[in-house]
Amino acid sequence: MSEVLASTDKQILTLTLNRPEKQNAITREMYQTLANSINEANGDFGVRAIVITSSSQHFTAGNDLFDFLNAPPLEEGSPVM
């Protein structure tokens, strides 16, 4: 199951946080996926707007601290520093 779902309809890219068991706490991988999706949409003239939403009643609990504390540092230029 993907933690970030992407769909495009009527020139609107919808990115859905899909990690309800953790109240959509965002991992570094999710930040990377969001950044990649937004960068791709930036170059796509078929996308006129981007909506970020969630698959549950919680939009996001913020960063997943466990993920950030236990993962090695990312390379320079990463959307998460």
PDB file of N, CA and C in Angstrom:
ATOM      1  N   MET A   1       0.845  -1.177   0.000  1.00  0.00           N
ATOM      2  CA  MET A   1       0.000   0.000   0.000  1.00  0.00           C
ATOM      3  C   MET A   1       0.889   1.239   0.000  1.00  0.00           C
ATOM      4  N   SER A   2       0.604   2.138  -0.902  1.00  0.00           N
ATOM      5  CA  SER A   2       1.376   3.369  -0.997  1.00  0.00           C
ATOM      6  C   SER A   2       0.945   4.344   0.096  1.00  0.00           C
ATOM      7  N   GLU A   3       1.924   5.035   0.666  1.00  0.00           N
ATOM      8  CA  GLU A   3       1.629   5.997   1.730  1.00  0.00           C
ATOM      9  C   GLU A   3       1.255   7.365   1.182  1.00  0.00           C
ATOM     10  N   VAL A   4       1.496   7.595  -0.106  1.00  0.00           N
ATOM     11  CA  VAL A   4       1.040   8.808  -0.789  1.00  0.00           C
ATOM     12  C   VAL A   4       0.413   8.365  -2.106  1.00  0.00           C
ATOM     13  N   LEU A   5      -0.872   8.628  -2.244  1.00  0.00           N
ATOM     14  CA  LEU A   5      -1.588   8.281  -3.463  1.00  0.00           C
ATOM     15  C   LEU A   5      -1.694   9.521  -4.338  1.00  0.00           C
ATOM     16  N   ALA A   6      -1.588   9.338  -5.634  1.00  0.00           N
ATOM     17  CA  ALA A   6      -1.680  10.464  -6.566  1.00  0.00           C
ATOM     18  C   ALA A   6      -2.720  10.153  -7.629  1.00  0.00           C
ATOM     19  N   SER A   7      -3.562  11.147  -7.906  1.00  0.00           N
ATOM     20  CA  SER A   7      -4.531  11.015  -8.993  1.00  0.00           C
ATOM     21  C   SER A   7      -4.743  12.383  -9.618  1.00  0.00           C
ATOM     22  N   THR A   8      -5.038  12.387 -10.907  1.00  0.00           N
ATOM     23  CA  THR A   8      -5.296  13.636 -11.624  1.00  0.00           C
ATOM     24  C   THR A   8      -6.670  13.549 -12.262  1.00  0.00           C
ATOM     25  N   ASP A   9      -7.467  14.586 -12.048  1.00  0.00           N
ATOM     26  CA  ASP A   9      -8.794  14.673 -12.633  1.00  0.00           C
ATOM     27  C   ASP A   9      -9.097  16.132 -12.932  1.00  0.00           C
ATOM     28  N   LYS A  10      -9.491  16.405 -14.156  1.00  0.00           N
ATOM     29  CA  LYS A  10      -9.847  17.766 -14.576  1.00  0.00           C
ATOM     30  C   LYS A  10      -8.748  18.772 -14.242  1.00  0.00           C
ATOM     31  N   GLN A  11      -7.520  18.408 -14.539  1.00  0.00           N
ATOM     32  CA  GLN A  11      -6.335  19.259 -14.365  1.00  0.00           C
ATOM     33  C   GLN A  11      -5.988  19.532 -12.900  1.00  0.00           C
ATOM     34  N   ILE A  12      -6.535  18.717 -11.983  1.00  0.00           N
ATOM     35  CA  ILE A  12      -6.218  18.861 -10.560  1.00  0.00           C
ATOM     36  C   ILE A  12      -5.487  17.604 -10.109  1.00  0.00           C
ATOM     37  N   LEU A  13      -4.267  17.777  -9.628  1.00  0.00           N
ATOM     38  CA  LEU A  13      -3.496  16.679  -9.054  1.00  0.00           C
ATOM     39  C   LEU A  13      -3.857  16.597  -7.577  1.00  0.00           C
ATOM     40  N   THR A  14      -4.352  15.448  -7.147  1.00  0.00           N
ATOM     41  CA  THR A  14      -4.672  15.234  -5.740  1.00  0.00           C
ATOM     42  C   THR A  14      -3.659  14.259  -5.161  1.00  0.00           C
ATOM     43  N   LEU A  15      -2.960  14.702  -4.124  1.00  0.00           N
ATOM     44  CA  LEU A  15      -2.009  13.864  -3.398  1.00  0.00           C
ATOM     45  C   LEU A  15      -2.655  13.530  -2.059  1.00  0.00           C
ATOM     46  N   THR A  16      -2.824  12.243  -1.787  1.00  0.00           N
ATOM     47  CA  THR A  16      -3.529  11.803  -0.591  1.00  0.00           C
ATOM     48  C   THR A  16      -2.569  11.099   0.354  1.00  0.00           C
ATOM     49  N   LEU A  17      -2.439  11.636   1.569  1.00  0.00           N
ATOM     50  CA  LEU A  17      -1.649  10.972   2.602  1.00  0.00           C
ATOM     51  C   LEU A  17      -2.431   9.741   3.031  1.00  0.00           C
ATOM     52  N   ASN A  18      -1.797   8.569   2.969  1.00  0.00           N
ATOM     53  CA  ASN A  18      -2.500   7.309   3.172  1.00  0.00           C
ATOM     54  C   ASN A  18      -1.767   6.439   4.190  1.00  0.00           C
ATOM     55  N   ARG A  19      -1.699   6.931   5.393  1.00  0.00           N
ATOM     56  CA  ARG A  19      -1.044   6.200   6.480  1.00  0.00           C
ATOM     57  C   ARG A  19      -1.904   6.345   7.743  1.00  0.00           C
ATOM     58  N   PRO A  20      -3.172   5.935   7.665  1.00  0.00           N
ATOM     59  CA  PRO A  20      -4.111   6.196   8.757  1.00  0.00           C
ATOM     60  C   PRO A  20      -3.733   5.536  10.081  1.00  0.00           C
ATOM     61  N   GLU A  21      -3.033   4.408  10.017  1.00  0.00           N
ATOM     62  CA  GLU A  21      -2.661   3.723  11.262  1.00  0.00           C
ATOM     63  C   GLU A  21      -1.688   4.544  12.104  1.00  0.00           C
ATOM     64  N   LYS A  22      -1.016   5.514  11.492  1.00  0.00           N
ATOM     65  CA  LYS A  22      -0.086   6.413  12.192  1.00  0.00           C
ATOM     66  C   LYS A  22      -0.572   7.857  12.128  1.00  0.00           C
ATOM     67  N   GLN A  23      -1.884   8.036  11.932  1.00  0.00           N
ATOM     68  CA  GLN A  23      -2.488   9.363  11.816  1.00  0.00           C
ATOM     69  C   GLN A  23      -1.778  10.207  10.755  1.00  0.00           C
ATOM     70  N   ASN A  24      -1.358   9.537   9.694  1.00  0.00           N
ATOM     71  CA  ASN A  24      -0.688  10.175   8.557  1.00  0.00           C
ATOM     72  C   ASN A  24       0.582  10.929   8.945  1.00  0.00           C
ATOM     73  N   ALA A  25       1.270  10.456   9.987  1.00  0.00           N
ATOM     74  CA  ALA A  25       2.576  11.036  10.325  1.00  0.00           C
ATOM     75  C   ALA A  25       3.488  10.860   9.113  1.00  0.00           C
ATOM     76  N   ILE A  26       4.178  11.933   8.741  1.00  0.00           N
ATOM     77  CA  ILE A  26       4.929  11.960   7.489  1.00  0.00           C
ATOM     78  C   ILE A  26       6.361  11.465   7.692  1.00  0.00           C
ATOM     79  N   THR A  27       6.735  10.485   6.873  1.00  0.00           N
ATOM     80  CA  THR A  27       8.095   9.951   6.889  1.00  0.00           C
ATOM     81  C   THR A  27       8.941  10.701   5.865  1.00  0.00           C
ATOM     82  N   ARG A  28      10.230  10.475   5.924  1.00  0.00           N
ATOM     83  CA  ARG A  28      11.124  11.101   4.944  1.00  0.00           C
ATOM     84  C   ARG A  28      10.800  10.616   3.534  1.00  0.00           C
ATOM     85  N   GLU A  29      10.445   9.349   3.407  1.00  0.00           N
ATOM     86  CA  GLU A  29      10.078   8.813   2.095  1.00  0.00           C
ATOM     87  C   GLU A  29       8.813   9.495   1.560  1.00  0.00           C
ATOM     88  N   MET A  30       7.866   9.776   2.445  1.00  0.00           N
ATOM     89  CA  MET A  30       6.648  10.477   2.021  1.00  0.00           C
ATOM     90  C   MET A  30       6.974  11.896   1.560  1.00  0.00           C
ATOM     91  N   TYR A  31       7.870  12.587   2.282  1.00  0.00           N
ATOM     92  CA  TYR A  31       8.297  13.922   1.839  1.00  0.00           C
ATOM     93  C   TYR A  31       8.909  13.847   0.444  1.00  0.00           C
ATOM     94  N   GLN A  32       9.735  12.831   0.218  1.00  0.00           N
ATOM     95  CA  GLN A  32      10.381  12.678  -1.089  1.00  0.00           C
ATOM     96  C   GLN A  32       9.337  12.435  -2.173  1.00  0.00           C
ATOM     97  N   THR A  33       8.365  11.581  -1.893  1.00  0.00           N
ATOM     98  CA  THR A  33       7.302  11.300  -2.858  1.00  0.00           C
ATOM     99  C   THR A  33       6.484  12.552  -3.150  1.00  0.00           C
ATOM    100  N   LEU A  34       6.130  13.306  -2.106  1.00  0.00           N
ATOM    101  CA  LEU A  34       5.381  14.553  -2.301  1.00  0.00           C
ATOM    102  C   LEU A  34       6.186  15.533  -3.155  1.00  0.00           C
ATOM    103  N   ALA A  35       7.463  15.698  -2.832  1.00  0.00           N
ATOM    104  CA  ALA A  35       8.315  16.628  -3.581  1.00  0.00           C
ATOM    105  C   ALA A  35       8.434  16.203  -5.041  1.00  0.00           C
ATOM    106  N   ASN A  36       8.642  14.915  -5.282  1.00  0.00           N
ATOM    107  CA  ASN A  36       8.751  14.417  -6.658  1.00  0.00           C
ATOM    108  C   ASN A  36       7.455  14.662  -7.432  1.00  0.00           C
ATOM    109  N   SER A  37       6.325  14.396  -6.797  1.00  0.00           N
ATOM    110  CA  SER A  37       5.032  14.588  -7.459  1.00  0.00           C
ATOM    111  C   SER A  37       4.788  16.054  -7.787  1.00  0.00           C
ATOM    112  N   ILE A  38       5.121  16.938  -6.862  1.00  0.00           N
ATOM    113  CA  ILE A  38       4.936  18.374  -7.087  1.00  0.00           C
ATOM    114  C   ILE A  38       5.875  18.869  -8.182  1.00  0.00           C
ATOM    115  N   ASN A  39       7.122  18.408  -8.166  1.00  0.00           N
ATOM    116  CA  ASN A  39       8.076  18.805  -9.211  1.00  0.00           C
ATOM    117  C   ASN A  39       7.636  18.319 -10.587  1.00  0.00           C
ATOM    118  N   GLU A  40       7.114  17.096 -10.662  1.00  0.00           N
ATOM    119  CA  GLU A  40       6.615  16.581 -11.941  1.00  0.00           C
ATOM    120  C   GLU A  40       5.434  17.411 -12.426  1.00  0.00           C
ATOM    121  N   ALA A  41       4.536  17.765 -11.514  1.00  0.00           N
ATOM    122  CA  ALA A  41       3.360  18.565 -11.881  1.00  0.00           C
ATOM    123  C   ALA A  41       3.763  19.954 -12.356  1.00  0.00           C
ATOM    124  N   ASN A  42       4.854  20.471 -11.813  1.00  0.00           N
ATOM    125  CA  ASN A  42       5.335  21.792 -12.202  1.00  0.00           C
ATOM    126  C   ASN A  42       5.656  21.855 -13.692  1.00  0.00           C
ATOM    127  N   GLY A  43       6.099  20.753 -14.246  1.00  0.00           N
ATOM    128  CA  GLY A  43       6.442  20.716 -15.661  1.00  0.00           C
ATOM    129  C   GLY A  43       5.326  20.182 -16.548  1.00  0.00           C
ATOM    130  N   ASP A  44       4.172  19.915 -15.969  1.00  0.00           N
ATOM    131  CA  ASP A  44       3.047  19.338 -16.707  1.00  0.00           C
ATOM    132  C   ASP A  44       1.971  20.404 -16.911  1.00  0.00           C
ATOM    133  N   PHE A  45       1.824  20.867 -18.151  1.00  0.00           N
ATOM    134  CA  PHE A  45       0.833  21.910 -18.437  1.00  0.00           C
ATOM    135  C   PHE A  45      -0.600  21.405 -18.285  1.00  0.00           C
ATOM    136  N   GLY A  46      -0.772  20.100 -18.115  1.00  0.00           N
ATOM    137  CA  GLY A  46      -2.098  19.528 -17.887  1.00  0.00           C
ATOM    138  C   GLY A  46      -2.541  19.616 -16.442  1.00  0.00           C
ATOM    139  N   VAL A  47      -1.641  20.034 -15.557  1.00  0.00           N
ATOM    140  CA  VAL A  47      -1.978  20.184 -14.137  1.00  0.00           C
ATOM    141  C   VAL A  47      -2.057  21.671 -13.823  1.00  0.00           C
ATOM    142  N   ARG A  48      -3.220  22.103 -13.358  1.00  0.00           N
ATOM    143  CA  ARG A  48      -3.433  23.522 -13.050  1.00  0.00           C
ATOM    144  C   ARG A  48      -3.469  23.789 -11.547  1.00  0.00           C
ATOM    145  N   ALA A  49      -3.696  22.740 -10.737  1.00  0.00           N
ATOM    146  CA  ALA A  49      -3.773  22.910  -9.282  1.00  0.00           C
ATOM    147  C   ALA A  49      -3.359  21.610  -8.608  1.00  0.00           C
ATOM    148  N   ILE A  50      -2.899  21.741  -7.366  1.00  0.00           N
ATOM    149  CA  ILE A  50      -2.515  20.585  -6.561  1.00  0.00           C
ATOM    150  C   ILE A  50      -3.263  20.671  -5.238  1.00  0.00           C
ATOM    151  N   VAL A  51      -3.886  19.559  -4.845  1.00  0.00           N
ATOM    152  CA  VAL A  51      -4.577  19.462  -3.564  1.00  0.00           C
ATOM    153  C   VAL A  51      -3.888  18.366  -2.766  1.00  0.00           C
ATOM    154  N   ILE A  52      -3.550  18.661  -1.517  1.00  0.00           N
ATOM    155  CA  ILE A  52      -3.001  17.642  -0.618  1.00  0.00           C
ATOM    156  C   ILE A  52      -4.056  17.379   0.445  1.00  0.00           C
ATOM    157  N   THR A  53      -4.452  16.113   0.565  1.00  0.00           N
ATOM    158  CA  THR A  53      -5.514  15.717   1.481  1.00  0.00           C
ATOM    159  C   THR A  53      -5.102  14.429   2.188  1.00  0.00           C
ATOM    160  N   SER A  54      -6.012  13.842   2.957  1.00  0.00           N
ATOM    161  CA  SER A  54      -5.689  12.591   3.642  1.00  0.00           C
ATOM    162  C   SER A  54      -6.808  11.580   3.454  1.00  0.00           C
ATOM    163  N   SER A  55      -6.479  10.327   3.713  1.00  0.00           N
ATOM    164  CA  SER A  55      -7.441   9.240   3.547  1.00  0.00           C
ATOM    165  C   SER A  55      -8.206   8.953   4.833  1.00  0.00           C
ATOM    166  N   SER A  56      -7.973   9.720   5.875  1.00  0.00           N
ATOM    167  CA  SER A  56      -8.648   9.477   7.150  1.00  0.00           C
ATOM    168  C   SER A  56      -9.088  10.795   7.768  1.00  0.00           C
ATOM    169  N   GLN A  57      -9.623  10.723   8.970  1.00  0.00           N
ATOM    170  CA  GLN A  57     -10.099  11.941   9.635  1.00  0.00           C
ATOM    171  C   GLN A  57      -8.959  12.844  10.087  1.00  0.00           C
ATOM    172  N   HIS A  58      -7.749  12.318  10.167  1.00  0.00           N
ATOM    173  CA  HIS A  58      -6.586  13.117  10.554  1.00  0.00           C
ATOM    174  C   HIS A  58      -5.844  13.541   9.293  1.00  0.00           C
ATOM    175  N   PHE A  59      -5.628  14.845   9.122  1.00  0.00           N
ATOM    176  CA  PHE A  59      -4.829  15.272   7.973  1.00  0.00           C
ATOM    177  C   PHE A  59      -3.412  14.753   8.154  1.00  0.00           C
ATOM    178  N   THR A  60      -2.749  15.141   9.242  1.00  0.00           N
ATOM    179  CA  THR A  60      -1.429  14.602   9.565  1.00  0.00           C
ATOM    180  C   THR A  60      -1.101  14.919  11.020  1.00  0.00           C
ATOM    181  N   ALA A  61      -0.383  14.009  11.640  1.00  0.00           N
ATOM    182  CA  ALA A  61       0.097  14.225  13.002  1.00  0.00           C
ATOM    183  C   ALA A  61       1.440  14.946  12.991  1.00  0.00           C
ATOM    184  N   GLY A  62       1.927  15.293  11.797  1.00  0.00           N
ATOM    185  CA  GLY A  62       3.234  15.946  11.680  1.00  0.00           C
ATOM    186  C   GLY A  62       4.273  14.938  11.228  1.00  0.00           C
ATOM    187  N   ASN A  63       5.508  15.175  11.604  1.00  0.00           N
ATOM    188  CA  ASN A  63       6.590  14.267  11.223  1.00  0.00           C
ATOM    189  C   ASN A  63       6.537  12.990  12.043  1.00  0.00           C
ATOM    190  N   ASP A  64       6.914  11.880  11.421  1.00  0.00           N
ATOM    191  CA  ASP A  64       7.074  10.621  12.135  1.00  0.00           C
ATOM    192  C   ASP A  64       8.444  10.667  12.801  1.00  0.00           C
ATOM    193  N   LEU A  65       8.470  11.009  14.075  1.00  0.00           N
ATOM    194  CA  LEU A  65       9.740  11.200  14.778  1.00  0.00           C
ATOM    195  C   LEU A  65      10.572   9.926  14.809  1.00  0.00           C
ATOM    196  N   PHE A  66       9.925   8.768  14.934  1.00  0.00           N
ATOM    197  CA  PHE A  66      10.658   7.507  14.939  1.00  0.00           C
ATOM    198  C   PHE A  66      11.436   7.346  13.635  1.00  0.00           C
ATOM    199  N   ASP A  67      10.795   7.649  12.529  1.00  0.00           N
ATOM    200  CA  ASP A  67      11.451   7.547  11.223  1.00  0.00           C
ATOM    201  C   ASP A  67      12.637   8.503  11.133  1.00  0.00           C
ATOM    202  N   PHE A  68      12.458   9.738  11.563  1.00  0.00           N
ATOM    203  CA  PHE A  68      13.519  10.742  11.456  1.00  0.00           C
ATOM    204  C   PHE A  68      14.692  10.432  12.388  1.00  0.00           C
ATOM    205  N   LEU A  69      14.412   9.888  13.564  1.00  0.00           N
ATOM    206  CA  LEU A  69      15.481   9.599  14.524  1.00  0.00           C
ATOM    207  C   LEU A  69      16.273   8.347  14.168  1.00  0.00           C
ATOM    208  N   ASN A  70      15.653   7.421  13.451  1.00  0.00           N
ATOM    209  CA  ASN A  70      16.297   6.138  13.179  1.00  0.00           C
ATOM    210  C   ASN A  70      16.795   5.965  11.755  1.00  0.00           C
ATOM    211  N   ALA A  71      16.691   6.979  10.946  1.00  0.00           N
ATOM    212  CA  ALA A  71      17.127   6.877   9.556  1.00  0.00           C
ATOM    213  C   ALA A  71      18.435   7.632   9.365  1.00  0.00           C
ATOM    214  N   PRO A  72      19.275   7.169   8.461  1.00  0.00           N
ATOM    215  CA  PRO A  72      20.524   7.887   8.191  1.00  0.00           C
ATOM    216  C   PRO A  72      20.236   9.241   7.542  1.00  0.00           C
ATOM    217  N   PRO A  73      21.152  10.184   7.658  1.00  0.00           N
ATOM    218  CA  PRO A  73      20.955  11.498   7.027  1.00  0.00           C
ATOM    219  C   PRO A  73      20.799  11.361   5.515  1.00  0.00           C
ATOM    220  N   LEU A  74      20.003  12.232   4.949  1.00  0.00           N
ATOM    221  CA  LEU A  74      19.803  12.239   3.501  1.00  0.00           C
ATOM    222  C   LEU A  74      20.877  13.068   2.830  1.00  0.00           C
ATOM    223  N   GLU A  75      21.026  12.852   1.543  1.00  0.00           N
ATOM    224  CA  GLU A  75      22.013  13.595   0.773  1.00  0.00           C
ATOM    225  C   GLU A  75      21.584  15.054   0.642  1.00  0.00           C
ATOM    226  N   GLU A  76      22.550  15.900   0.375  1.00  0.00           N
ATOM    227  CA  GLU A  76      22.266  17.323   0.201  1.00  0.00           C
ATOM    228  C   GLU A  76      21.351  17.514  -0.999  1.00  0.00           C
ATOM    229  N   GLY A  77      20.442  18.456  -0.893  1.00  0.00           N
ATOM    230  CA  GLY A  77      19.488  18.713  -1.957  1.00  0.00           C
ATOM    231  C   GLY A  77      18.182  17.962  -1.774  1.00  0.00           C
ATOM    232  N   SER A  78      18.102  17.121  -0.755  1.00  0.00           N
ATOM    233  CA  SER A  78      16.882  16.388  -0.467  1.00  0.00           C
ATOM    234  C   SER A  78      15.828  17.350   0.080  1.00  0.00           C
ATOM    235  N   PRO A  79      14.529  17.079  -0.148  1.00  0.00           N
ATOM    236  CA  PRO A  79      13.504  17.967   0.394  1.00  0.00           C
ATOM    237  C   PRO A  79      13.422  17.914   1.914  1.00  0.00           C
ATOM    238  N   VAL A  80      14.076  16.941   2.511  1.00  0.00           N
ATOM    239  CA  VAL A  80      14.096  16.819   3.971  1.00  0.00           C
ATOM    240  C   VAL A  80      15.537  16.907   4.429  1.00  0.00           C
ATOM    241  N   MET A  81      15.846  17.912   5.215  1.00  0.00           N
ATOM    242  CA  MET A  81      17.223  18.073   5.702  1.00  0.00           C
ATOM    243  C   MET A  81      17.265  17.933   7.205  1.00  0.00           C
TER     244      MET A  81
END
